[in-house]
Amino acid sequence: QVEVLLNAISGEMKASDLMKAVGISDRKHFRKDYISVALKDGLIEMTIPDKPKSSNQKYRITPLGIRQISG
């Protein structure tokens, strides 16, 4: 699941755009099984880490995430 997310990220993306890219419509499921796992593993990062619930929050892949999908 996380690999699908990593392959879907292009630059900085909002959660809603990522959900569309991976074909998930359940926001709670997406946050729990995709975003939270990828954040915890250091594969993606927030653009506004001080405000995780900001409406302007976006996510981007980290160098570790890039290595994960390249590897």
PDB file of N, CA and C in Angstrom:
ATOM      1  N   GLN A   1       0.821  -1.198   0.000  1.00  0.00           N
ATOM      2  CA  GLN A   1       0.000   0.000   0.000  1.00  0.00           C
ATOM      3  C   GLN A   1       0.860   1.256   0.000  1.00  0.00           C
ATOM      4  N   VAL A   2       1.884   1.263   0.819  1.00  0.00           N
ATOM      5  CA  VAL A   2       2.753   2.438   0.894  1.00  0.00           C
ATOM      6  C   VAL A   2       3.496   2.622  -0.428  1.00  0.00           C
ATOM      7  N   GLU A   3       3.884   1.523  -1.061  1.00  0.00           N
ATOM      8  CA  GLU A   3       4.577   1.631  -2.347  1.00  0.00           C
ATOM      9  C   GLU A   3       3.676   2.263  -3.405  1.00  0.00           C
ATOM     10  N   VAL A   4       2.392   1.941  -3.377  1.00  0.00           N
ATOM     11  CA  VAL A   4       1.427   2.550  -4.290  1.00  0.00           C
ATOM     12  C   VAL A   4       1.396   4.062  -4.049  1.00  0.00           C
ATOM     13  N   LEU A   5       1.385   4.450  -2.783  1.00  0.00           N
ATOM     14  CA  LEU A   5       1.389   5.866  -2.423  1.00  0.00           C
ATOM     15  C   LEU A   5       2.661   6.552  -2.925  1.00  0.00           C
ATOM     16  N   LEU A   6       3.803   5.940  -2.690  1.00  0.00           N
ATOM     17  CA  LEU A   6       5.077   6.526  -3.110  1.00  0.00           C
ATOM     18  C   LEU A   6       5.130   6.720  -4.624  1.00  0.00           C
ATOM     19  N   ASN A   7       4.609   5.772  -5.355  1.00  0.00           N
ATOM     20  CA  ASN A   7       4.610   5.873  -6.812  1.00  0.00           C
ATOM     21  C   ASN A   7       3.624   6.923  -7.318  1.00  0.00           C
ATOM     22  N   ALA A   8       2.640   7.263  -6.501  1.00  0.00           N
ATOM     23  CA  ALA A   8       1.621   8.238  -6.901  1.00  0.00           C
ATOM     24  C   ALA A   8       2.051   9.678  -6.632  1.00  0.00           C
ATOM     25  N   ILE A   9       2.984   9.880  -5.723  1.00  0.00           N
ATOM     26  CA  ILE A   9       3.388  11.237  -5.346  1.00  0.00           C
ATOM     27  C   ILE A   9       4.214  11.881  -6.458  1.00  0.00           C
ATOM     28  N   SER A  10       3.803  13.090  -6.793  1.00  0.00           N
ATOM     29  CA  SER A  10       4.526  13.876  -7.781  1.00  0.00           C
ATOM     30  C   SER A  10       4.704  15.269  -7.202  1.00  0.00           C
ATOM     31  N   GLY A  11       5.924  15.591  -6.785  1.00  0.00           N
ATOM     32  CA  GLY A  11       6.174  16.881  -6.149  1.00  0.00           C
ATOM     33  C   GLY A  11       5.499  16.942  -4.789  1.00  0.00           C
ATOM     34  N   GLU A  12       4.787  18.034  -4.533  1.00  0.00           N
ATOM     35  CA  GLU A  12       4.035  18.198  -3.283  1.00  0.00           C
ATOM     36  C   GLU A  12       2.557  18.060  -3.608  1.00  0.00           C
ATOM     37  N   MET A  13       1.875  17.192  -2.853  1.00  0.00           N
ATOM     38  CA  MET A  13       0.469  16.926  -3.145  1.00  0.00           C
ATOM     39  C   MET A  13      -0.377  16.947  -1.882  1.00  0.00           C
ATOM     40  N   LYS A  14      -1.611  17.441  -2.012  1.00  0.00           N
ATOM     41  CA  LYS A  14      -2.574  17.405  -0.918  1.00  0.00           C
ATOM     42  C   LYS A  14      -3.073  15.972  -0.747  1.00  0.00           C
ATOM     43  N   ALA A  15      -3.557  15.662   0.439  1.00  0.00           N
ATOM     44  CA  ALA A  15      -4.078  14.329   0.718  1.00  0.00           C
ATOM     45  C   ALA A  15      -5.207  13.965  -0.238  1.00  0.00           C
ATOM     46  N   SER A  16      -6.081  14.917  -0.531  1.00  0.00           N
ATOM     47  CA  SER A  16      -7.207  14.627  -1.431  1.00  0.00           C
ATOM     48  C   SER A  16      -6.717  14.241  -2.831  1.00  0.00           C
ATOM     49  N   ASP A  17      -5.663  14.896  -3.298  1.00  0.00           N
ATOM     50  CA  ASP A  17      -5.106  14.552  -4.611  1.00  0.00           C
ATOM     51  C   ASP A  17      -4.428  13.182  -4.584  1.00  0.00           C
ATOM     52  N   LEU A  18      -3.770  12.874  -3.482  1.00  0.00           N
ATOM     53  CA  LEU A  18      -3.146  11.553  -3.338  1.00  0.00           C
ATOM     54  C   LEU A  18      -4.197  10.453  -3.286  1.00  0.00           C
ATOM     55  N   MET A  19      -5.304  10.729  -2.603  1.00  0.00           N
ATOM     56  CA  MET A  19      -6.385   9.743  -2.534  1.00  0.00           C
ATOM     57  C   MET A  19      -6.909   9.423  -3.933  1.00  0.00           C
ATOM     58  N   LYS A  20      -7.100  10.444  -4.735  1.00  0.00           N
ATOM     59  CA  LYS A  20      -7.553  10.234  -6.117  1.00  0.00           C
ATOM     60  C   LYS A  20      -6.518   9.444  -6.905  1.00  0.00           C
ATOM     61  N   ALA A  21      -5.245   9.776  -6.711  1.00  0.00           N
ATOM     62  CA  ALA A  21      -4.168   9.120  -7.464  1.00  0.00           C
ATOM     63  C   ALA A  21      -4.069   7.625  -7.161  1.00  0.00           C
ATOM     64  N   VAL A  22      -4.358   7.241  -5.924  1.00  0.00           N
ATOM     65  CA  VAL A  22      -4.274   5.814  -5.571  1.00  0.00           C
ATOM     66  C   VAL A  22      -5.630   5.115  -5.618  1.00  0.00           C
ATOM     67  N   GLY A  23      -6.697   5.877  -5.865  1.00  0.00           N
ATOM     68  CA  GLY A  23      -8.026   5.275  -6.010  1.00  0.00           C
ATOM     69  C   GLY A  23      -8.703   4.923  -4.704  1.00  0.00           C
ATOM     70  N   ILE A  24      -8.462   5.696  -3.659  1.00  0.00           N
ATOM     71  CA  ILE A  24      -9.089   5.473  -2.349  1.00  0.00           C
ATOM     72  C   ILE A  24     -10.069   6.607  -2.087  1.00  0.00           C
ATOM     73  N   SER A  25     -11.260   6.265  -1.607  1.00  0.00           N
ATOM     74  CA  SER A  25     -12.235   7.319  -1.313  1.00  0.00           C
ATOM     75  C   SER A  25     -12.482   7.486   0.191  1.00  0.00           C
ATOM     76  N   ASP A  26     -12.084   6.504   0.987  1.00  0.00           N
ATOM     77  CA  ASP A  26     -12.284   6.557   2.441  1.00  0.00           C
ATOM     78  C   ASP A  26     -11.096   7.273   3.088  1.00  0.00           C
ATOM     79  N   ARG A  27     -11.322   8.516   3.503  1.00  0.00           N
ATOM     80  CA  ARG A  27     -10.247   9.357   4.047  1.00  0.00           C
ATOM     81  C   ARG A  27      -9.620   8.745   5.305  1.00  0.00           C
ATOM     82  N   LYS A  28     -10.438   8.184   6.201  1.00  0.00           N
ATOM     83  CA  LYS A  28      -9.935   7.594   7.446  1.00  0.00           C
ATOM     84  C   LYS A  28      -9.006   6.400   7.143  1.00  0.00           C
ATOM     85  N   HIS A  29      -9.457   5.540   6.256  1.00  0.00           N
ATOM     86  CA  HIS A  29      -8.653   4.374   5.848  1.00  0.00           C
ATOM     87  C   HIS A  29      -7.346   4.836   5.195  1.00  0.00           C
ATOM     88  N   PHE A  30      -7.436   5.849   4.339  1.00  0.00           N
ATOM     89  CA  PHE A  30      -6.255   6.362   3.644  1.00  0.00           C
ATOM     90  C   PHE A  30      -5.241   6.908   4.638  1.00  0.00           C
ATOM     91  N   ARG A  31      -5.690   7.712   5.586  1.00  0.00           N
ATOM     92  CA  ARG A  31      -4.776   8.280   6.594  1.00  0.00           C
ATOM     93  C   ARG A  31      -4.126   7.187   7.432  1.00  0.00           C
ATOM     94  N   LYS A  32      -4.928   6.222   7.880  1.00  0.00           N
ATOM     95  CA  LYS A  32      -4.436   5.169   8.772  1.00  0.00           C
ATOM     96  C   LYS A  32      -3.466   4.217   8.066  1.00  0.00           C
ATOM     97  N   ASP A  33      -3.829   3.760   6.879  1.00  0.00           N
ATOM     98  CA  ASP A  33      -3.064   2.701   6.223  1.00  0.00           C
ATOM     99  C   ASP A  33      -2.040   3.178   5.201  1.00  0.00           C
ATOM    100  N   TYR A  34      -2.110   4.420   4.807  1.00  0.00           N
ATOM    101  CA  TYR A  34      -1.169   4.930   3.817  1.00  0.00           C
ATOM    102  C   TYR A  34      -0.309   6.056   4.393  1.00  0.00           C
ATOM    103  N   ILE A  35      -0.952   7.190   4.700  1.00  0.00           N
ATOM    104  CA  ILE A  35      -0.214   8.381   5.147  1.00  0.00           C
ATOM    105  C   ILE A  35       0.539   8.128   6.454  1.00  0.00           C
ATOM    106  N   SER A  36      -0.155   7.625   7.472  1.00  0.00           N
ATOM    107  CA  SER A  36       0.483   7.421   8.784  1.00  0.00           C
ATOM    108  C   SER A  36       1.669   6.470   8.705  1.00  0.00           C
ATOM    109  N   VAL A  37       1.510   5.394   7.965  1.00  0.00           N
ATOM    110  CA  VAL A  37       2.590   4.407   7.839  1.00  0.00           C
ATOM    111  C   VAL A  37       3.788   5.022   7.117  1.00  0.00           C
ATOM    112  N   ALA A  38       3.534   5.716   6.017  1.00  0.00           N
ATOM    113  CA  ALA A  38       4.626   6.319   5.251  1.00  0.00           C
ATOM    114  C   ALA A  38       5.336   7.416   6.047  1.00  0.00           C
ATOM    115  N   LEU A  39       4.583   8.196   6.822  1.00  0.00           N
ATOM    116  CA  LEU A  39       5.187   9.226   7.672  1.00  0.00           C
ATOM    117  C   LEU A  39       6.053   8.586   8.752  1.00  0.00           C
ATOM    118  N   LYS A  40       5.505   7.567   9.409  1.00  0.00           N
ATOM    119  CA  LYS A  40       6.214   6.894  10.490  1.00  0.00           C
ATOM    120  C   LYS A  40       7.523   6.267   9.994  1.00  0.00           C
ATOM    121  N   ASP A  41       7.497   5.726   8.787  1.00  0.00           N
ATOM    122  CA  ASP A  41       8.683   5.083   8.218  1.00  0.00           C
ATOM    123  C   ASP A  41       9.654   6.078   7.582  1.00  0.00           C
ATOM    124  N   GLY A  42       9.279   7.364   7.569  1.00  0.00           N
ATOM    125  CA  GLY A  42      10.159   8.388   7.012  1.00  0.00           C
ATOM    126  C   GLY A  42      10.211   8.404   5.495  1.00  0.00           C
ATOM    127  N   LEU A  43       9.185   7.841   4.844  1.00  0.00           N
ATOM    128  CA  LEU A  43       9.174   7.758   3.385  1.00  0.00           C
ATOM    129  C   LEU A  43       8.548   8.992   2.739  1.00  0.00           C
ATOM    130  N   ILE A  44       7.673   9.669   3.495  1.00  0.00           N
ATOM    131  CA  ILE A  44       7.111  10.940   3.047  1.00  0.00           C
ATOM    132  C   ILE A  44       7.219  11.921   4.205  1.00  0.00           C
ATOM    133  N   GLU A  45       7.044  13.199   3.891  1.00  0.00           N
ATOM    134  CA  GLU A  45       7.069  14.221   4.928  1.00  0.00           C
ATOM    135  C   GLU A  45       5.994  15.262   4.642  1.00  0.00           C
ATOM    136  N   MET A  46       5.604  15.971   5.692  1.00  0.00           N
ATOM    137  CA  MET A  46       4.630  17.040   5.555  1.00  0.00           C
ATOM    138  C   MET A  46       5.337  18.330   5.170  1.00  0.00           C
ATOM    139  N   THR A  47       4.666  19.163   4.389  1.00  0.00           N
ATOM    140  CA  THR A  47       5.250  20.454   4.038  1.00  0.00           C
ATOM    141  C   THR A  47       5.082  21.453   5.176  1.00  0.00           C
ATOM    142  N   ILE A  48       4.087  21.211   6.049  1.00  0.00           N
ATOM    143  CA  ILE A  48       3.867  22.077   7.217  1.00  0.00           C
ATOM    144  C   ILE A  48       3.824  21.179   8.459  1.00  0.00           C
ATOM    145  N   PRO A  49       4.974  20.684   8.911  1.00  0.00           N
ATOM    146  CA  PRO A  49       4.981  19.720  10.021  1.00  0.00           C
ATOM    147  C   PRO A  49       4.438  20.274  11.341  1.00  0.00           C
ATOM    148  N   ASP A  50       4.506  21.594  11.527  1.00  0.00           N
ATOM    149  CA  ASP A  50       3.996  22.194  12.763  1.00  0.00           C
ATOM    150  C   ASP A  50       2.469  22.180  12.829  1.00  0.00           C
ATOM    151  N   LYS A  51       1.810  22.037  11.677  1.00  0.00           N
ATOM    152  CA  LYS A  51       0.346  22.068  11.609  1.00  0.00           C
ATOM    153  C   LYS A  51      -0.155  20.883  10.785  1.00  0.00           C
ATOM    154  N   PRO A  52      -0.136  19.690  11.367  1.00  0.00           N
ATOM    155  CA  PRO A  52      -0.503  18.491  10.601  1.00  0.00           C
ATOM    156  C   PRO A  52      -1.932  18.494  10.056  1.00  0.00           C
ATOM    157  N   LYS A  53      -2.827  19.262  10.672  1.00  0.00           N
ATOM    158  CA  LYS A  53      -4.218  19.280  10.211  1.00  0.00           C
ATOM    159  C   LYS A  53      -4.551  20.510   9.372  1.00  0.00           C
ATOM    160  N   SER A  54      -3.535  21.245   8.953  1.00  0.00           N
ATOM    161  CA  SER A  54      -3.744  22.443   8.138  1.00  0.00           C
ATOM    162  C   SER A  54      -4.422  22.085   6.816  1.00  0.00           C
ATOM    163  N   SER A  55      -5.331  22.947   6.373  1.00  0.00           N
ATOM    164  CA  SER A  55      -5.988  22.717   5.082  1.00  0.00           C
ATOM    165  C   SER A  55      -4.998  22.901   3.926  1.00  0.00           C
ATOM    166  N   ASN A  56      -3.881  23.527   4.206  1.00  0.00           N
ATOM    167  CA  ASN A  56      -2.848  23.723   3.187  1.00  0.00           C
ATOM    168  C   ASN A  56      -1.768  22.639   3.222  1.00  0.00           C
ATOM    169  N   GLN A  57      -1.953  21.633   4.081  1.00  0.00           N
ATOM    170  CA  GLN A  57      -0.961  20.574   4.237  1.00  0.00           C
ATOM    171  C   GLN A  57      -0.780  19.805   2.937  1.00  0.00           C
ATOM    172  N   LYS A  58       0.475  19.577   2.595  1.00  0.00           N
ATOM    173  CA  LYS A  58       0.814  18.754   1.446  1.00  0.00           C
ATOM    174  C   LYS A  58       1.875  17.758   1.885  1.00  0.00           C
ATOM    175  N   TYR A  59       2.066  16.752   1.068  1.00  0.00           N
ATOM    176  CA  TYR A  59       3.039  15.707   1.358  1.00  0.00           C
ATOM    177  C   TYR A  59       4.004  15.584   0.194  1.00  0.00           C
ATOM    178  N   ARG A  60       5.251  15.239   0.511  1.00  0.00           N
ATOM    179  CA  ARG A  60       6.249  15.009  -0.528  1.00  0.00           C
ATOM    180  C   ARG A  60       7.086  13.801  -0.122  1.00  0.00           C
ATOM    181  N   ILE A  61       7.669  13.163  -1.100  1.00  0.00           N
ATOM    182  CA  ILE A  61       8.489  11.984  -0.857  1.00  0.00           C
ATOM    183  C   ILE A  61       9.858  12.424  -0.330  1.00  0.00           C
ATOM    184  N   THR A  62      10.414  11.656   0.567  1.00  0.00           N
ATOM    185  CA  THR A  62      11.738  11.942   1.137  1.00  0.00           C
ATOM    186  C   THR A  62      12.802  11.198   0.335  1.00  0.00           C
ATOM    187  N   PRO A  63      14.075  11.546   0.541  1.00  0.00           N
ATOM    188  CA  PRO A  63      15.144  10.772  -0.127  1.00  0.00           C
ATOM    189  C   PRO A  63      15.064   9.269   0.192  1.00  0.00           C
ATOM    190  N   LEU A  64      14.674   8.940   1.415  1.00  0.00           N
ATOM    191  CA  LEU A  64      14.515   7.523   1.787  1.00  0.00           C
ATOM    192  C   LEU A  64      13.388   6.898   0.968  1.00  0.00           C
ATOM    193  N   GLY A  65      12.307   7.628   0.783  1.00  0.00           N
ATOM    194  CA  GLY A  65      11.203   7.144  -0.031  1.00  0.00           C
ATOM    195  C   GLY A  65      11.603   6.932  -1.476  1.00  0.00           C
ATOM    196  N   ILE A  66      12.425   7.837  -2.003  1.00  0.00           N
ATOM    197  CA  ILE A  66      12.916   7.701  -3.371  1.00  0.00           C
ATOM    198  C   ILE A  66      13.759   6.435  -3.512  1.00  0.00           C
ATOM    199  N   ARG A  67      14.625   6.207  -2.523  1.00  0.00           N
ATOM    200  CA  ARG A  67      15.446   4.983  -2.535  1.00  0.00           C
ATOM    201  C   ARG A  67      14.568   3.746  -2.449  1.00  0.00           C
ATOM    202  N   GLN A  68      13.490   3.821  -1.681  1.00  0.00           N
ATOM    203  CA  GLN A  68      12.581   2.692  -1.510  1.00  0.00           C
ATOM    204  C   GLN A  68      11.966   2.276  -2.853  1.00  0.00           C
ATOM    205  N   ILE A  69      11.534   3.255  -3.647  1.00  0.00           N
ATOM    206  CA  ILE A  69      10.900   2.890  -4.919  1.00  0.00           C
ATOM    207  C   ILE A  69      11.926   2.635  -6.033  1.00  0.00           C
ATOM    208  N   SER A  70      13.131   3.140  -5.851  1.00  0.00           N
ATOM    209  CA  SER A  70      14.168   2.917  -6.859  1.00  0.00           C
ATOM    210  C   SER A  70      14.845   1.563  -6.669  1.00  0.00           C
ATOM    211  N   GLY A  71      14.838   1.116  -5.422  1.00  0.00           N
ATOM    212  CA  GLY A  71      15.629  -0.001  -5.002  1.00  0.00           C
ATOM    213  C   GLY A  71      15.332  -1.344  -5.464  1.00  0.00           C
TER     214      GLY A  71
END
